[in-house]
mmCIF file of all heavy atoms, coordinates in Angstrom:
data_MODEL
# 
_entry.id   MODEL 
# 
loop_
_atom_site.group_PDB 
_atom_site.id 
_atom_site.type_symbol 
_atom_site.label_atom_id 
_atom_site.label_alt_id 
_atom_site.label_comp_id 
_atom_site.label_asym_id 
_atom_site.label_entity_id 
_atom_site.label_seq_id 
_atom_site.pdbx_PDB_ins_code 
_atom_site.Cartn_x 
_atom_site.Cartn_y 
_atom_site.Cartn_z 
_atom_site.occupancy 
_atom_site.B_iso_or_equiv 
_atom_site.pdbx_formal_charge 
_atom_site.auth_seq_id 
_atom_site.auth_comp_id 
_atom_site.auth_asym_id 
_atom_site.auth_atom_id 
_atom_site.pdbx_PDB_model_num 
ATOM 1   N N   . TYR A 1 1  ? 5.577   -7.139 -1.854 1.00 0.00 ? 1  TYR A N   1 
ATOM 2   C CA  . TYR A 1 1  ? 4.884   -5.993 -1.305 1.00 0.00 ? 1  TYR A CA  1 
ATOM 3   C C   . TYR A 1 1  ? 4.092   -6.286 -0.039 1.00 0.00 ? 1  TYR A C   1 
ATOM 4   O O   . TYR A 1 1  ? 3.655   -7.452 0.159  1.00 0.00 ? 1  TYR A O   1 
ATOM 5   C CB  . TYR A 1 1  ? 3.847   -5.426 -2.339 1.00 0.00 ? 1  TYR A CB  1 
ATOM 6   C CG  . TYR A 1 1  ? 4.484   -4.705 -3.539 1.00 0.00 ? 1  TYR A CG  1 
ATOM 7   C CD1 . TYR A 1 1  ? 5.118   -5.444 -4.547 1.00 0.00 ? 1  TYR A CD1 1 
ATOM 8   C CD2 . TYR A 1 1  ? 4.522   -3.347 -3.599 1.00 0.00 ? 1  TYR A CD2 1 
ATOM 9   C CE1 . TYR A 1 1  ? 5.651   -4.895 -5.630 1.00 0.00 ? 1  TYR A CE1 1 
ATOM 10  C CE2 . TYR A 1 1  ? 5.135   -2.711 -4.707 1.00 0.00 ? 1  TYR A CE2 1 
ATOM 11  C CZ  . TYR A 1 1  ? 5.739   -3.463 -5.743 1.00 0.00 ? 1  TYR A CZ  1 
ATOM 12  O OH  . TYR A 1 1  ? 6.267   -2.888 -6.736 1.00 0.00 ? 1  TYR A OH  1 
ATOM 13  N N   . ALA A 1 2  ? 3.956   -5.342 0.804  1.00 0.00 ? 2  ALA A N   1 
ATOM 14  C CA  . ALA A 1 2  ? 3.116   -5.469 2.040  1.00 0.00 ? 2  ALA A CA  1 
ATOM 15  C C   . ALA A 1 2  ? 2.103   -4.408 2.147  1.00 0.00 ? 2  ALA A C   1 
ATOM 16  O O   . ALA A 1 2  ? 2.315   -3.275 1.727  1.00 0.00 ? 2  ALA A O   1 
ATOM 17  C CB  . ALA A 1 2  ? 4.180   -5.377 3.250  1.00 0.00 ? 2  ALA A CB  1 
ATOM 18  N N   . ILE A 1 3  ? 1.088   -4.700 2.732  1.00 0.00 ? 3  ILE A N   1 
ATOM 19  C CA  . ILE A 1 3  ? -0.082  -3.795 2.922  1.00 0.00 ? 3  ILE A CA  1 
ATOM 20  C C   . ILE A 1 3  ? 0.309   -2.688 3.881  1.00 0.00 ? 3  ILE A C   1 
ATOM 21  O O   . ILE A 1 3  ? 0.843   -2.998 5.023  1.00 0.00 ? 3  ILE A O   1 
ATOM 22  C CB  . ILE A 1 3  ? -1.389  -4.510 3.422  1.00 0.00 ? 3  ILE A CB  1 
ATOM 23  C CG1 . ILE A 1 3  ? -1.939  -5.418 2.327  1.00 0.00 ? 3  ILE A CG1 1 
ATOM 24  C CG2 . ILE A 1 3  ? -2.417  -3.518 3.765  1.00 0.00 ? 3  ILE A CG2 1 
ATOM 25  C CD1 . ILE A 1 3  ? -3.064  -6.260 2.715  1.00 0.00 ? 3  ILE A CD1 1 
ATOM 26  N N   . ASP A 1 4  ? 0.018   -1.502 3.489  1.00 0.00 ? 4  ASP A N   1 
ATOM 27  C CA  . ASP A 1 4  ? 0.199   -0.323 4.408  1.00 0.00 ? 4  ASP A CA  1 
ATOM 28  C C   . ASP A 1 4  ? -1.119  0.105  4.888  1.00 0.00 ? 4  ASP A C   1 
ATOM 29  O O   . ASP A 1 4  ? -1.854  0.799  4.276  1.00 0.00 ? 4  ASP A O   1 
ATOM 30  C CB  . ASP A 1 4  ? 0.957   0.812  3.575  1.00 0.00 ? 4  ASP A CB  1 
ATOM 31  C CG  . ASP A 1 4  ? 1.115   2.168  4.386  1.00 0.00 ? 4  ASP A CG  1 
ATOM 32  O OD1 . ASP A 1 4  ? 0.694   2.135  5.574  1.00 0.00 ? 4  ASP A OD1 1 
ATOM 33  O OD2 . ASP A 1 4  ? 1.625   3.028  3.781  1.00 0.00 ? 4  ASP A OD2 1 
ATOM 34  N N   . ARG A 1 5  ? -1.546  -0.465 6.044  1.00 0.00 ? 5  ARG A N   1 
ATOM 35  C CA  . ARG A 1 5  ? -2.895  -0.293 6.601  1.00 0.00 ? 5  ARG A CA  1 
ATOM 36  C C   . ARG A 1 5  ? -3.148  1.156  6.907  1.00 0.00 ? 5  ARG A C   1 
ATOM 37  O O   . ARG A 1 5  ? -4.277  1.609  6.726  1.00 0.00 ? 5  ARG A O   1 
ATOM 38  C CB  . ARG A 1 5  ? -3.076  -1.088 7.870  1.00 0.00 ? 5  ARG A CB  1 
ATOM 39  C CG  . ARG A 1 5  ? -3.072  -2.634 7.514  1.00 0.00 ? 5  ARG A CG  1 
ATOM 40  C CD  . ARG A 1 5  ? -3.617  -3.477 8.535  1.00 0.00 ? 5  ARG A CD  1 
ATOM 41  N NE  . ARG A 1 5  ? -3.383  -4.838 8.298  1.00 0.00 ? 5  ARG A NE  1 
ATOM 42  C CZ  . ARG A 1 5  ? -4.042  -5.635 7.412  1.00 0.00 ? 5  ARG A CZ  1 
ATOM 43  N NH1 . ARG A 1 5  ? -5.055  -5.093 6.695  1.00 0.00 ? 5  ARG A NH1 1 
ATOM 44  N NH2 . ARG A 1 5  ? -3.777  -6.914 7.316  1.00 0.00 ? 5  ARG A NH2 1 
ATOM 45  N N   . ARG A 1 6  ? -2.147  1.915  7.307  1.00 0.00 ? 6  ARG A N   1 
ATOM 46  C CA  . ARG A 1 6  ? -2.435  3.343  7.625  1.00 0.00 ? 6  ARG A CA  1 
ATOM 47  C C   . ARG A 1 6  ? -2.885  4.168  6.438  1.00 0.00 ? 6  ARG A C   1 
ATOM 48  O O   . ARG A 1 6  ? -3.553  5.142  6.600  1.00 0.00 ? 6  ARG A O   1 
ATOM 49  C CB  . ARG A 1 6  ? -1.141  4.019  8.244  1.00 0.00 ? 6  ARG A CB  1 
ATOM 50  C CG  . ARG A 1 6  ? -0.870  3.514  9.625  1.00 0.00 ? 6  ARG A CG  1 
ATOM 51  C CD  . ARG A 1 6  ? 0.316   4.201  10.303 1.00 0.00 ? 6  ARG A CD  1 
ATOM 52  N NE  . ARG A 1 6  ? 1.536   4.181  9.405  1.00 0.00 ? 6  ARG A NE  1 
ATOM 53  C CZ  . ARG A 1 6  ? 2.243   5.143  9.174  1.00 0.00 ? 6  ARG A CZ  1 
ATOM 54  N NH1 . ARG A 1 6  ? 2.130   6.367  9.711  1.00 0.00 ? 6  ARG A NH1 1 
ATOM 55  N NH2 . ARG A 1 6  ? 3.360   5.011  8.411  1.00 0.00 ? 6  ARG A NH2 1 
ATOM 56  N N   . ASN A 1 7  ? -2.433  3.771  5.268  1.00 0.00 ? 7  ASN A N   1 
ATOM 57  C CA  . ASN A 1 7  ? -2.768  4.515  4.108  1.00 0.00 ? 7  ASN A CA  1 
ATOM 58  C C   . ASN A 1 7  ? -3.764  3.850  3.194  1.00 0.00 ? 7  ASN A C   1 
ATOM 59  O O   . ASN A 1 7  ? -3.984  4.246  2.017  1.00 0.00 ? 7  ASN A O   1 
ATOM 60  C CB  . ASN A 1 7  ? -1.492  4.757  3.346  1.00 0.00 ? 7  ASN A CB  1 
ATOM 61  C CG  . ASN A 1 7  ? -0.582  5.861  3.976  1.00 0.00 ? 7  ASN A CG  1 
ATOM 62  O OD1 . ASN A 1 7  ? -1.009  6.897  4.402  1.00 0.00 ? 7  ASN A OD1 1 
ATOM 63  N ND2 . ASN A 1 7  ? 0.655   5.417  4.323  1.00 0.00 ? 7  ASN A ND2 1 
ATOM 64  N N   . SER A 1 8  ? -4.344  2.790  3.681  1.00 0.00 ? 8  SER A N   1 
ATOM 65  C CA  . SER A 1 8  ? -5.416  2.070  2.909  1.00 0.00 ? 8  SER A CA  1 
ATOM 66  C C   . SER A 1 8  ? -6.760  2.627  3.320  1.00 0.00 ? 8  SER A C   1 
ATOM 67  O O   . SER A 1 8  ? -6.861  3.222  4.285  1.00 0.00 ? 8  SER A O   1 
ATOM 68  C CB  . SER A 1 8  ? -5.298  0.571  3.232  1.00 0.00 ? 8  SER A CB  1 
ATOM 69  O OG  . SER A 1 8  ? -4.051  0.084  2.719  1.00 0.00 ? 8  SER A OG  1 
ATOM 70  N N   . SER A 1 9  ? -7.740  2.343  2.499  1.00 0.00 ? 9  SER A N   1 
ATOM 71  C CA  . SER A 1 9  ? -9.144  2.709  2.825  1.00 0.00 ? 9  SER A CA  1 
ATOM 72  C C   . SER A 1 9  ? -10.067 1.674  2.457  1.00 0.00 ? 9  SER A C   1 
ATOM 73  O O   . SER A 1 9  ? -9.642  0.506  2.103  1.00 0.00 ? 9  SER A O   1 
ATOM 74  C CB  . SER A 1 9  ? -9.466  3.956  2.015  1.00 0.00 ? 9  SER A CB  1 
ATOM 75  O OG  . SER A 1 9  ? -9.646  3.787  0.689  1.00 0.00 ? 9  SER A OG  1 
ATOM 76  N N   . ARG A 1 10 ? -11.331 1.828  2.593  1.00 0.00 ? 10 ARG A N   1 
ATOM 77  C CA  . ARG A 1 10 ? -12.312 0.833  2.260  1.00 0.00 ? 10 ARG A CA  1 
ATOM 78  C C   . ARG A 1 10 ? -12.350 0.486  0.734  1.00 0.00 ? 10 ARG A C   1 
ATOM 79  O O   . ARG A 1 10 ? -12.654 -0.636 0.357  1.00 0.00 ? 10 ARG A O   1 
ATOM 80  C CB  . ARG A 1 10 ? -13.719 1.326  2.613  1.00 0.00 ? 10 ARG A CB  1 
ATOM 81  C CG  . ARG A 1 10 ? -14.000 1.334  4.100  1.00 0.00 ? 10 ARG A CG  1 
ATOM 82  C CD  . ARG A 1 10 ? -15.374 1.779  4.503  1.00 0.00 ? 10 ARG A CD  1 
ATOM 83  N NE  . ARG A 1 10 ? -16.337 0.919  3.724  1.00 0.00 ? 10 ARG A NE  1 
ATOM 84  C CZ  . ARG A 1 10 ? -17.643 1.219  3.632  1.00 0.00 ? 10 ARG A CZ  1 
ATOM 85  N NH1 . ARG A 1 10 ? -18.069 2.323  4.235  1.00 0.00 ? 10 ARG A NH1 1 
ATOM 86  N NH2 . ARG A 1 10 ? -18.409 0.495  2.963  1.00 0.00 ? 10 ARG A NH2 1 
ATOM 87  N N   . ARG A 1 11 ? -11.956 1.474  -0.116 1.00 0.00 ? 11 ARG A N   1 
ATOM 88  C CA  . ARG A 1 11 ? -11.950 1.285  -1.473 1.00 0.00 ? 11 ARG A CA  1 
ATOM 89  C C   . ARG A 1 11 ? -10.656 1.048  -2.089 1.00 0.00 ? 11 ARG A C   1 
ATOM 90  O O   . ARG A 1 11 ? -10.537 0.662  -3.349 1.00 0.00 ? 11 ARG A O   1 
ATOM 91  C CB  . ARG A 1 11 ? -12.663 2.419  -2.204 1.00 0.00 ? 11 ARG A CB  1 
ATOM 92  C CG  . ARG A 1 11 ? -14.103 2.612  -1.723 1.00 0.00 ? 11 ARG A CG  1 
ATOM 93  C CD  . ARG A 1 11 ? -14.813 3.428  -2.745 1.00 0.00 ? 11 ARG A CD  1 
ATOM 94  N NE  . ARG A 1 11 ? -16.194 3.625  -2.307 1.00 0.00 ? 11 ARG A NE  1 
ATOM 95  C CZ  . ARG A 1 11 ? -17.191 2.893  -2.759 1.00 0.00 ? 11 ARG A CZ  1 
ATOM 96  N NH1 . ARG A 1 11 ? -16.971 1.935  -3.610 1.00 0.00 ? 11 ARG A NH1 1 
ATOM 97  N NH2 . ARG A 1 11 ? -18.464 3.137  -2.363 1.00 0.00 ? 11 ARG A NH2 1 
ATOM 98  N N   . SER A 1 12 ? -9.532  1.188  -1.446 1.00 0.00 ? 12 SER A N   1 
ATOM 99  C CA  . SER A 1 12 ? -8.214  0.974  -1.982 1.00 0.00 ? 12 SER A CA  1 
ATOM 100 C C   . SER A 1 12 ? -7.283  0.500  -0.935 1.00 0.00 ? 12 SER A C   1 
ATOM 101 O O   . SER A 1 12 ? -7.404  0.781  0.156  1.00 0.00 ? 12 SER A O   1 
ATOM 102 C CB  . SER A 1 12 ? -7.723  2.289  -2.678 1.00 0.00 ? 12 SER A CB  1 
ATOM 103 O OG  . SER A 1 12 ? -7.506  3.256  -1.647 1.00 0.00 ? 12 SER A OG  1 
ATOM 104 N N   . VAL A 1 13 ? -6.267  -0.219 -1.419 1.00 0.00 ? 13 VAL A N   1 
ATOM 105 C CA  . VAL A 1 13 ? -5.175  -0.719 -0.562 1.00 0.00 ? 13 VAL A CA  1 
ATOM 106 C C   . VAL A 1 13 ? -3.882  -0.158 -1.007 1.00 0.00 ? 13 VAL A C   1 
ATOM 107 O O   . VAL A 1 13 ? -3.479  -0.189 -2.144 1.00 0.00 ? 13 VAL A O   1 
ATOM 108 C CB  . VAL A 1 13 ? -5.209  -2.294 -0.710 1.00 0.00 ? 13 VAL A CB  1 
ATOM 109 C CG1 . VAL A 1 13 ? -4.075  -2.947 0.152  1.00 0.00 ? 13 VAL A CG1 1 
ATOM 110 C CG2 . VAL A 1 13 ? -6.566  -2.890 -0.386 1.00 0.00 ? 13 VAL A CG2 1 
ATOM 111 N N   . ALA A 1 14 ? -3.163  0.273  -0.053 1.00 0.00 ? 14 ALA A N   1 
ATOM 112 C CA  . ALA A 1 14 ? -1.815  0.816  -0.251 1.00 0.00 ? 14 ALA A CA  1 
ATOM 113 C C   . ALA A 1 14 ? -0.911  -0.288 0.067  1.00 0.00 ? 14 ALA A C   1 
ATOM 114 O O   . ALA A 1 14 ? -0.973  -0.981 1.027  1.00 0.00 ? 14 ALA A O   1 
ATOM 115 C CB  . ALA A 1 14 ? -1.541  2.078  0.666  1.00 0.00 ? 14 ALA A CB  1 
ATOM 116 N N   . MET A 1 15 ? 0.093   -0.467 -0.892 1.00 0.00 ? 15 MET A N   1 
ATOM 117 C CA  . MET A 1 15 ? 1.046   -1.606 -0.702 1.00 0.00 ? 15 MET A CA  1 
ATOM 118 C C   . MET A 1 15 ? 2.509   -0.966 -0.991 1.00 0.00 ? 15 MET A C   1 
ATOM 119 O O   . MET A 1 15 ? 2.643   -0.252 -1.878 1.00 0.00 ? 15 MET A O   1 
ATOM 120 C CB  . MET A 1 15 ? 0.752   -2.677 -1.594 1.00 0.00 ? 15 MET A CB  1 
ATOM 121 C CG  . MET A 1 15 ? -0.633  -3.336 -1.345 1.00 0.00 ? 15 MET A CG  1 
ATOM 122 S SD  . MET A 1 15 ? -0.892  -4.950 -2.143 1.00 0.00 ? 15 MET A SD  1 
ATOM 123 C CE  . MET A 1 15 ? 0.127   -5.970 -1.097 1.00 0.00 ? 15 MET A CE  1 
ATOM 124 N N   . LYS A 1 16 ? 3.356   -1.342 -0.049 1.00 0.00 ? 16 LYS A N   1 
ATOM 125 C CA  . LYS A 1 16 ? 4.722   -0.855 -0.124 1.00 0.00 ? 16 LYS A CA  1 
ATOM 126 C C   . LYS A 1 16 ? 5.707   -2.014 -0.421 1.00 0.00 ? 16 LYS A C   1 
ATOM 127 O O   . LYS A 1 16 ? 5.450   -3.105 0.030  1.00 0.00 ? 16 LYS A O   1 
ATOM 128 C CB  . LYS A 1 16 ? 5.132   -0.145 1.216  1.00 0.00 ? 16 LYS A CB  1 
ATOM 129 C CG  . LYS A 1 16 ? 4.515   1.153  1.375  1.00 0.00 ? 16 LYS A CG  1 
ATOM 130 C CD  . LYS A 1 16 ? 5.034   1.760  2.634  1.00 0.00 ? 16 LYS A CD  1 
ATOM 131 C CE  . LYS A 1 16 ? 4.566   3.189  2.874  1.00 0.00 ? 16 LYS A CE  1 
ATOM 132 N NZ  . LYS A 1 16 ? 5.098   3.748  4.176  1.00 0.00 ? 16 LYS A NZ  1 
ATOM 133 N N   . HIS A 1 17 ? 6.805   -1.679 -1.119 1.00 0.00 ? 17 HIS A N   1 
ATOM 134 C CA  . HIS A 1 17 ? 7.889   -2.558 -1.354 1.00 0.00 ? 17 HIS A CA  1 
ATOM 135 C C   . HIS A 1 17 ? 9.065   -1.972 -0.690 1.00 0.00 ? 17 HIS A C   1 
ATOM 136 O O   . HIS A 1 17 ? 9.263   -0.764 -0.487 1.00 0.00 ? 17 HIS A O   1 
ATOM 137 C CB  . HIS A 1 17 ? 8.105   -2.796 -2.772 1.00 0.00 ? 17 HIS A CB  1 
ATOM 138 C CG  . HIS A 1 17 ? 8.945   -3.954 -3.195 1.00 0.00 ? 17 HIS A CG  1 
ATOM 139 N ND1 . HIS A 1 17 ? 10.301  -3.916 -3.204 1.00 0.00 ? 17 HIS A ND1 1 
ATOM 140 C CD2 . HIS A 1 17 ? 8.581   -5.197 -3.525 1.00 0.00 ? 17 HIS A CD2 1 
ATOM 141 C CE1 . HIS A 1 17 ? 10.723  -5.083 -3.510 1.00 0.00 ? 17 HIS A CE1 1 
ATOM 142 N NE2 . HIS A 1 17 ? 9.766   -5.944 -3.734 1.00 0.00 ? 17 HIS A NE2 1 
ATOM 143 N N   . THR A 1 18 ? 10.095  -2.922 -0.277 1.00 0.00 ? 18 THR A N   1 
ATOM 144 C CA  . THR A 1 18 ? 11.336  -2.436 0.296  1.00 0.00 ? 18 THR A CA  1 
ATOM 145 C C   . THR A 1 18 ? 12.075  -1.570 -0.592 1.00 0.00 ? 18 THR A C   1 
ATOM 146 O O   . THR A 1 18 ? 12.960  -0.793 -0.170 1.00 0.00 ? 18 THR A O   1 
ATOM 147 C CB  . THR A 1 18 ? 12.153  -3.593 0.863  1.00 0.00 ? 18 THR A CB  1 
ATOM 148 O OG1 . THR A 1 18 ? 12.337  -4.431 -0.241 1.00 0.00 ? 18 THR A OG1 1 
ATOM 149 C CG2 . THR A 1 18 ? 11.421  -4.299 1.921  1.00 0.00 ? 18 THR A CG2 1 
ATOM 150 N N   . ASN A 1 19 ? 11.871  -1.648 -1.930 1.00 0.00 ? 19 ASN A N   1 
ATOM 151 C CA  . ASN A 1 19 ? 12.643  -0.864 -2.952 1.00 0.00 ? 19 ASN A CA  1 
ATOM 152 C C   . ASN A 1 19 ? 12.095  0.578  -2.990 1.00 0.00 ? 19 ASN A C   1 
ATOM 153 O O   . ASN A 1 19 ? 12.578  1.363  -3.856 1.00 0.00 ? 19 ASN A O   1 
ATOM 154 C CB  . ASN A 1 19 ? 12.632  -1.474 -4.304 1.00 0.00 ? 19 ASN A CB  1 
ATOM 155 C CG  . ASN A 1 19 ? 11.285  -1.514 -4.976 1.00 0.00 ? 19 ASN A CG  1 
ATOM 156 O OD1 . ASN A 1 19 ? 10.318  -0.919 -4.513 1.00 0.00 ? 19 ASN A OD1 1 
ATOM 157 N ND2 . ASN A 1 19 ? 11.151  -2.236 -6.083 1.00 0.00 ? 19 ASN A ND2 1 
ATOM 158 N N   . GLY A 1 20 ? 11.017  0.874  -2.213 1.00 0.00 ? 20 GLY A N   1 
ATOM 159 C CA  . GLY A 1 20 ? 10.520  2.197  -2.225 1.00 0.00 ? 20 GLY A CA  1 
ATOM 160 C C   . GLY A 1 20 ? 9.184   2.447  -3.018 1.00 0.00 ? 20 GLY A C   1 
ATOM 161 O O   . GLY A 1 20 ? 8.541   3.499  -2.893 1.00 0.00 ? 20 GLY A O   1 
ATOM 162 N N   . ASP A 1 21 ? 8.859   1.387  -3.759 1.00 0.00 ? 21 ASP A N   1 
ATOM 163 C CA  . ASP A 1 21 ? 7.644   1.494  -4.477 1.00 0.00 ? 21 ASP A CA  1 
ATOM 164 C C   . ASP A 1 21 ? 6.418   1.575  -3.547 1.00 0.00 ? 21 ASP A C   1 
ATOM 165 O O   . ASP A 1 21 ? 6.421   0.900  -2.531 1.00 0.00 ? 21 ASP A O   1 
ATOM 166 C CB  . ASP A 1 21 ? 7.343   0.202  -5.350 1.00 0.00 ? 21 ASP A CB  1 
ATOM 167 C CG  . ASP A 1 21 ? 7.831   0.414  -6.821 1.00 0.00 ? 21 ASP A CG  1 
ATOM 168 O OD1 . ASP A 1 21 ? 8.143   1.532  -7.242 1.00 0.00 ? 21 ASP A OD1 1 
ATOM 169 O OD2 . ASP A 1 21 ? 7.715   -0.633 -7.569 1.00 0.00 ? 21 ASP A OD2 1 
ATOM 170 N N   . LYS A 1 22 ? 5.420   2.368  -3.942 1.00 0.00 ? 22 LYS A N   1 
ATOM 171 C CA  . LYS A 1 22 ? 4.175   2.446  -3.161 1.00 0.00 ? 22 LYS A CA  1 
ATOM 172 C C   . LYS A 1 22 ? 3.069   2.399  -4.146 1.00 0.00 ? 22 LYS A C   1 
ATOM 173 O O   . LYS A 1 22 ? 2.905   3.303  -4.922 1.00 0.00 ? 22 LYS A O   1 
ATOM 174 C CB  . LYS A 1 22 ? 4.092   3.626  -2.249 1.00 0.00 ? 22 LYS A CB  1 
ATOM 175 C CG  . LYS A 1 22 ? 2.790   3.667  -1.437 1.00 0.00 ? 22 LYS A CG  1 
ATOM 176 C CD  . LYS A 1 22 ? 2.718   4.862  -0.565 1.00 0.00 ? 22 LYS A CD  1 
ATOM 177 C CE  . LYS A 1 22 ? 1.418   4.845  0.282  1.00 0.00 ? 22 LYS A CE  1 
ATOM 178 N NZ  . LYS A 1 22 ? 1.384   6.062  1.095  1.00 0.00 ? 22 LYS A NZ  1 
ATOM 179 N N   . LEU A 1 23 ? 2.263   1.387  -4.189 1.00 0.00 ? 23 LEU A N   1 
ATOM 180 C CA  . LEU A 1 23 ? 1.208   1.170  -5.134 1.00 0.00 ? 23 LEU A CA  1 
ATOM 181 C C   . LEU A 1 23 ? -0.136  1.293  -4.376 1.00 0.00 ? 23 LEU A C   1 
ATOM 182 O O   . LEU A 1 23 ? -0.257  0.789  -3.290 1.00 0.00 ? 23 LEU A O   1 
ATOM 183 C CB  . LEU A 1 23 ? 1.301   -0.200 -5.787 1.00 0.00 ? 23 LEU A CB  1 
ATOM 184 C CG  . LEU A 1 23 ? 2.556   -0.517 -6.451 1.00 0.00 ? 23 LEU A CG  1 
ATOM 185 C CD1 . LEU A 1 23 ? 2.470   -1.920 -7.109 1.00 0.00 ? 23 LEU A CD1 1 
ATOM 186 C CD2 . LEU A 1 23 ? 2.986   0.516  -7.553 1.00 0.00 ? 23 LEU A CD2 1 
ATOM 187 N N   . ILE A 1 24 ? -1.085  1.905  -5.018 1.00 0.00 ? 24 ILE A N   1 
ATOM 188 C CA  . ILE A 1 24 ? -2.457  1.961  -4.595 1.00 0.00 ? 24 ILE A CA  1 
ATOM 189 C C   . ILE A 1 24 ? -3.230  1.008  -5.549 1.00 0.00 ? 24 ILE A C   1 
ATOM 190 O O   . ILE A 1 24 ? -3.258  1.118  -6.717 1.00 0.00 ? 24 ILE A O   1 
ATOM 191 C CB  . ILE A 1 24 ? -3.035  3.403  -4.637 1.00 0.00 ? 24 ILE A CB  1 
ATOM 192 C CG1 . ILE A 1 24 ? -2.148  4.376  -3.887 1.00 0.00 ? 24 ILE A CG1 1 
ATOM 193 C CG2 . ILE A 1 24 ? -4.472  3.392  -4.186 1.00 0.00 ? 24 ILE A CG2 1 
ATOM 194 C CD1 . ILE A 1 24 ? -1.993  4.036  -2.413 1.00 0.00 ? 24 ILE A CD1 1 
ATOM 195 N N   . VAL A 1 25 ? -3.932  0.026  -4.908 1.00 0.00 ? 25 VAL A N   1 
ATOM 196 C CA  . VAL A 1 25 ? -4.718  -0.905 -5.694 1.00 0.00 ? 25 VAL A CA  1 
ATOM 197 C C   . VAL A 1 25 ? -6.165  -0.820 -5.339 1.00 0.00 ? 25 VAL A C   1 
ATOM 198 O O   . VAL A 1 25 ? -6.545  -0.581 -4.206 1.00 0.00 ? 25 VAL A O   1 
ATOM 199 C CB  . VAL A 1 25 ? -4.284  -2.392 -5.285 1.00 0.00 ? 25 VAL A CB  1 
ATOM 200 C CG1 . VAL A 1 25 ? -4.981  -3.426 -5.941 1.00 0.00 ? 25 VAL A CG1 1 
ATOM 201 C CG2 . VAL A 1 25 ? -2.687  -2.587 -5.392 1.00 0.00 ? 25 VAL A CG2 1 
# 
């Protein structure tokens, strides 16, 4: 997974995988 900085915020990190998964941590 890689960090998606455009969709991250101070309280959560968006992370994307090449398989299409997008997780909010």
